[in-house]
Protein backbone atom coordinates (compact mmCIF):
# COMPACT_ATOMS: atom_id res chain seq x y z
CA MET A 1 2.56 -12.50 14.30
CA THR A 2 1.31 -9.67 12.72
CA HIS A 3 -0.88 -9.64 9.63
CA PRO A 4 -0.85 -6.97 7.04
CA THR A 5 -3.36 -4.27 7.13
CA MET A 6 -5.65 -4.10 4.25
CA LYS A 7 -8.20 -1.18 2.91
CA LEU A 8 -10.37 -1.14 0.33
CA VAL A 9 -10.42 1.16 -2.58
CA ILE A 10 -13.26 1.67 -5.27
CA GLU A 11 -11.85 3.38 -8.48
CA GLU A 12 -13.84 4.29 -11.41
CA PRO A 13 -11.26 3.88 -14.37
CA HIS A 14 -13.99 4.59 -17.24
CA PRO A 15 -17.36 6.69 -16.73
CA GLY A 16 -19.80 4.31 -15.08
CA ALA A 17 -17.40 1.73 -14.25
CA TYR A 18 -16.55 0.65 -10.71
CA VAL A 19 -13.82 -1.62 -9.92
CA TRP A 20 -12.81 -2.46 -6.17
CA ALA A 21 -9.27 -3.40 -4.91
CA LEU A 22 -8.17 -4.42 -1.95
CA MET A 23 -4.78 -2.91 -0.89
CA GLU A 24 -1.96 -4.40 1.52
CA THR A 25 -0.45 -1.32 3.63
CA ASP A 26 2.18 -0.68 5.80
CA ASP A 27 1.73 0.54 9.48
CA ARG A 28 1.70 4.17 8.13
CA GLY A 29 -1.18 3.45 5.63
CA LYS A 30 1.01 3.65 2.39
CA THR A 31 -0.22 0.88 -0.01
CA VAL A 32 2.26 -1.81 -0.06
CA ARG A 33 0.63 -3.82 -2.81
CA VAL A 34 -2.44 -4.60 -4.43
CA ALA A 35 -3.35 -8.00 -2.72
CA GLN A 36 -6.66 -8.63 -4.91
CA ARG A 37 -8.76 -6.46 -7.48
CA ALA A 38 -11.89 -7.32 -9.29
CA GLU A 39 -11.78 -9.20 -12.91
CA GLU A 40 -14.68 -6.95 -14.26
CA ALA A 41 -16.14 -3.76 -13.59
CA SER A 42 -19.48 -3.10 -12.11
CA ASP A 43 -22.24 -0.79 -13.31
CA SER A 44 -22.51 1.03 -10.24
CA TYR A 45 -20.20 2.05 -7.13
CA GLU A 46 -22.72 0.55 -4.53
CA ALA A 47 -22.25 -2.64 -6.53
CA ALA A 48 -18.27 -2.29 -6.13
CA LEU A 49 -18.21 -1.54 -2.55
CA ALA A 50 -20.39 -4.48 -1.80
CA THR A 51 -18.36 -7.25 -3.57
CA GLY A 52 -15.07 -5.51 -2.39
CA THR A 53 -16.44 -5.19 1.06
CA ARG A 54 -17.14 -9.37 1.01
CA ARG A 55 -14.18 -9.71 -0.50
CA LEU A 56 -12.24 -7.75 2.58
CA HIS A 57 -14.39 -9.81 5.07
CA ALA A 58 -13.30 -13.01 3.55
CA ALA A 59 -9.54 -11.99 3.58
CA LEU A 60 -9.84 -10.91 7.16
CA HIS A 61 -11.27 -14.24 8.28
CA ALA A 62 -9.05 -16.00 6.43
CA GLN A 63 -6.22 -14.36 8.32
CA THR A 64 -7.85 -15.01 11.77
CA PRO A 65 -6.32 -18.08 13.41
CA SER A 66 -8.92 -20.60 14.35
CA THR A 67 -9.56 -21.25 17.90
CA ALA A 68 -10.75 -24.50 17.53
């Protein structure tokens, strides 16, 4: 069973407002769909990156089958 590939994107829709999004991609890296997106913008790129990274790790961990 294969899992979708995910990538984290940080966008700045308005100056000083940063939004993270998790994108599912195909095997060539083309975006297939937005899997998750921030509900509210962050005040800094770093804050959006940190939150998006935590969500990416959580999404990848949820896809990993348990070996227990």
